[in-house]
Amino acid sequence: MGVKPDKRLTKLVLRFGNIDWEKASAKQYELEKELGVWRIFLNGYAKNGFVVFDGEMISKESIMEKLTELEPEVVGEETITAQQLIESSYSWNNIIGKAKS
């Protein structure tokens, strides 16, 4: 079974009020196990992070509920495709982006 490149995903950009590196690591691991979560990064030092998920498999409310103890605030939300997510992950995109700056 393959994934269509135009599969719609939701990306939540978050800021946290109550987080440290230990809580971030534990919560990131917990959410990584969810089938609907495609990508997650929680930064306990900068107190921010993001979650990319499939809204057909897991709801935004469910994700926010799991993050409650970290006092999450949604600072950005966008719809992206699976292809955009994959392309943004290519390492040369990070290098090319820095070279253009």
C-alpha atoms as a PDB file:
ATOM      1  CA  MET A   1       0.000   0.000   0.000  1.00  0.00           C
ATOM      2  CA  GLY A   2       1.463   3.339  -1.045  1.00  0.00           C
ATOM      3  CA  VAL A   3       0.706   6.871  -0.033  1.00  0.00           C
ATOM      4  CA  LYS A   4      -0.574   9.307  -2.618  1.00  0.00           C
ATOM      5  CA  PRO A   5       1.692  12.367  -2.921  1.00  0.00           C
ATOM      6  CA  ASP A   6      -1.329  14.658  -2.626  1.00  0.00           C
ATOM      7  CA  LYS A   7      -2.423  13.137   0.707  1.00  0.00           C
ATOM      8  CA  ARG A   8      -3.472  16.051   2.945  1.00  0.00           C
ATOM      9  CA  LEU A   9      -1.797  16.389   6.347  1.00  0.00           C
ATOM     10  CA  THR A  10      -2.036  19.001   9.086  1.00  0.00           C
ATOM     11  CA  LYS A  11       1.007  20.679  10.605  1.00  0.00           C
ATOM     12  CA  LEU A  12       0.631  22.291  14.028  1.00  0.00           C
ATOM     13  CA  VAL A  13       3.363  24.656  15.173  1.00  0.00           C
ATOM     14  CA  LEU A  14       3.377  24.830  18.958  1.00  0.00           C
ATOM     15  CA  ARG A  15       4.781  26.802  21.876  1.00  0.00           C
ATOM     16  CA  PHE A  16       4.874  25.281  25.360  1.00  0.00           C
ATOM     17  CA  GLY A  17       4.568  26.815  28.811  1.00  0.00           C
ATOM     18  CA  ASN A  18       5.631  23.835  30.926  1.00  0.00           C
ATOM     19  CA  ILE A  19       8.288  21.735  29.223  1.00  0.00           C
ATOM     20  CA  ASP A  20      11.850  20.570  29.724  1.00  0.00           C
ATOM     21  CA  TRP A  21      13.995  18.147  27.743  1.00  0.00           C
ATOM     22  CA  GLU A  22      12.825  15.105  29.725  1.00  0.00           C
ATOM     23  CA  LYS A  23       9.123  15.870  29.310  1.00  0.00           C
ATOM     24  CA  ALA A  24       9.681  16.699  25.638  1.00  0.00           C
ATOM     25  CA  SER A  25      11.471  13.400  24.976  1.00  0.00           C
ATOM     26  CA  ALA A  26       8.853  11.324  26.781  1.00  0.00           C
ATOM     27  CA  LYS A  27       5.892  13.044  25.125  1.00  0.00           C
ATOM     28  CA  GLN A  28       7.507  12.944  21.681  1.00  0.00           C
ATOM     29  CA  TYR A  29       8.037   9.194  22.034  1.00  0.00           C
ATOM     30  CA  GLU A  30       4.441   8.712  23.202  1.00  0.00           C
ATOM     31  CA  LEU A  31       3.037  10.579  20.202  1.00  0.00           C
ATOM     32  CA  GLU A  32       5.439   8.954  17.719  1.00  0.00           C
ATOM     33  CA  LYS A  33       3.708   5.657  18.449  1.00  0.00           C
ATOM     34  CA  GLU A  34       0.350   7.021  17.220  1.00  0.00           C
ATOM     35  CA  LEU A  35      -0.417   5.740  13.710  1.00  0.00           C
ATOM     36  CA  GLY A  36      -1.787   9.075  12.508  1.00  0.00           C
ATOM     37  CA  VAL A  37       1.316  11.062  13.485  1.00  0.00           C
ATOM     38  CA  TRP A  38       3.723  11.428  10.563  1.00  0.00           C
ATOM     39  CA  ARG A  39       6.359  13.663  12.113  1.00  0.00           C
ATOM     40  CA  ILE A  40       6.886  15.263  15.511  1.00  0.00           C
ATOM     41  CA  PHE A  41       9.580  17.379  17.108  1.00  0.00           C
ATOM     42  CA  LEU A  42       9.293  18.812  20.619  1.00  0.00           C
ATOM     43  CA  ASN A  43      12.131  21.058  21.817  1.00  0.00           C
ATOM     44  CA  GLY A  44      12.307  21.234  25.600  1.00  0.00           C
ATOM     45  CA  TYR A  45      15.000  23.917  25.545  1.00  0.00           C
ATOM     46  CA  ALA A  46      13.410  26.365  23.093  1.00  0.00           C
ATOM     47  CA  LYS A  47       9.900  25.455  24.376  1.00  0.00           C
ATOM     48  CA  ASN A  48       8.506  24.941  20.895  1.00  0.00           C
ATOM     49  CA  GLY A  49       7.840  22.193  18.395  1.00  0.00           C
ATOM     50  CA  PHE A  50       5.588  20.844  15.688  1.00  0.00           C
ATOM     51  CA  VAL A  51       3.382  17.859  14.914  1.00  0.00           C
ATOM     52  CA  VAL A  52       2.432  16.684  11.413  1.00  0.00           C
ATOM     53  CA  PHE A  53      -0.536  14.330  11.423  1.00  0.00           C
ATOM     54  CA  ASP A  54      -3.275  12.760   9.336  1.00  0.00           C
ATOM     55  CA  GLY A  55      -6.573  14.232  10.507  1.00  0.00           C
ATOM     56  CA  GLU A  56      -8.431  11.171   9.209  1.00  0.00           C
ATOM     57  CA  MET A  57      -6.566   8.926  11.656  1.00  0.00           C
ATOM     58  CA  ILE A  58      -6.111  11.150  14.716  1.00  0.00           C
ATOM     59  CA  SER A  59      -7.829  14.399  15.632  1.00  0.00           C
ATOM     60  CA  LYS A  60      -6.235  17.700  16.554  1.00  0.00           C
ATOM     61  CA  GLU A  61      -8.164  17.536  19.827  1.00  0.00           C
ATOM     62  CA  SER A  62      -6.645  14.142  20.644  1.00  0.00           C
ATOM     63  CA  ILE A  63      -3.123  15.443  20.043  1.00  0.00           C
ATOM     64  CA  MET A  64      -3.730  18.564  22.124  1.00  0.00           C
ATOM     65  CA  GLU A  65      -5.193  16.425  24.917  1.00  0.00           C
ATOM     66  CA  LYS A  66      -2.047  14.269  24.990  1.00  0.00           C
ATOM     67  CA  LEU A  67       0.075  17.439  25.213  1.00  0.00           C
ATOM     68  CA  THR A  68      -2.033  19.107  27.940  1.00  0.00           C
ATOM     69  CA  GLU A  69       0.556  18.801  30.731  1.00  0.00           C
ATOM     70  CA  LEU A  70       3.057  20.725  28.566  1.00  0.00           C
ATOM     71  CA  GLU A  71       0.642  23.702  28.309  1.00  0.00           C
ATOM     72  CA  PRO A  72       0.634  23.838  24.488  1.00  0.00           C
ATOM     73  CA  GLU A  73      -0.354  26.893  22.479  1.00  0.00           C
ATOM     74  CA  VAL A  74      -0.955  26.588  18.741  1.00  0.00           C
ATOM     75  CA  VAL A  75       0.989  29.400  17.046  1.00  0.00           C
ATOM     76  CA  GLY A  76       0.536  28.114  13.507  1.00  0.00           C
ATOM     77  CA  GLU A  77      -1.526  25.604  11.579  1.00  0.00           C
ATOM     78  CA  GLU A  78      -1.302  24.675   7.923  1.00  0.00           C
ATOM     79  CA  THR A  79      -2.325  21.954   5.520  1.00  0.00           C
ATOM     80  CA  ILE A  80       0.520  20.300   3.630  1.00  0.00           C
ATOM     81  CA  THR A  81       0.745  17.316   1.309  1.00  0.00           C
ATOM     82  CA  ALA A  82       2.731  14.163   1.914  1.00  0.00           C
ATOM     83  CA  GLN A  83       4.953  15.173  -1.004  1.00  0.00           C
ATOM     84  CA  GLN A  84       5.702  18.562   0.589  1.00  0.00           C
ATOM     85  CA  LEU A  85       6.562  16.870   3.876  1.00  0.00           C
ATOM     86  CA  ILE A  86       8.930  14.435   2.188  1.00  0.00           C
ATOM     87  CA  GLU A  87      10.579  17.105   0.038  1.00  0.00           C
ATOM     88  CA  SER A  88      11.092  19.383   3.049  1.00  0.00           C
ATOM     89  CA  SER A  89      12.942  16.524   4.728  1.00  0.00           C
ATOM     90  CA  TYR A  90      15.601  16.157   2.046  1.00  0.00           C
ATOM     91  CA  SER A  91      18.909  17.206   3.553  1.00  0.00           C
ATOM     92  CA  TRP A  92      19.965  19.184   0.484  1.00  0.00           C
ATOM     93  CA  ASN A  93      16.967  21.506   0.971  1.00  0.00           C
ATOM     94  CA  ASN A  94      18.472  22.604   4.272  1.00  0.00           C
ATOM     95  CA  ILE A  95      21.868  23.178   2.653  1.00  0.00           C
ATOM     96  CA  ILE A  96      20.472  24.999  -0.400  1.00  0.00           C
ATOM     97  CA  GLY A  97      18.286  27.197   1.810  1.00  0.00           C
ATOM     98  CA  LYS A  98      21.314  28.300   3.841  1.00  0.00           C
ATOM     99  CA  ALA A  99      23.374  28.924   0.702  1.00  0.00           C
ATOM    100  CA  LYS A 100      20.713  31.282  -0.684  1.00  0.00           C
ATOM    101  CA  SER A 101      20.605  33.334   2.537  1.00  0.00           C
END
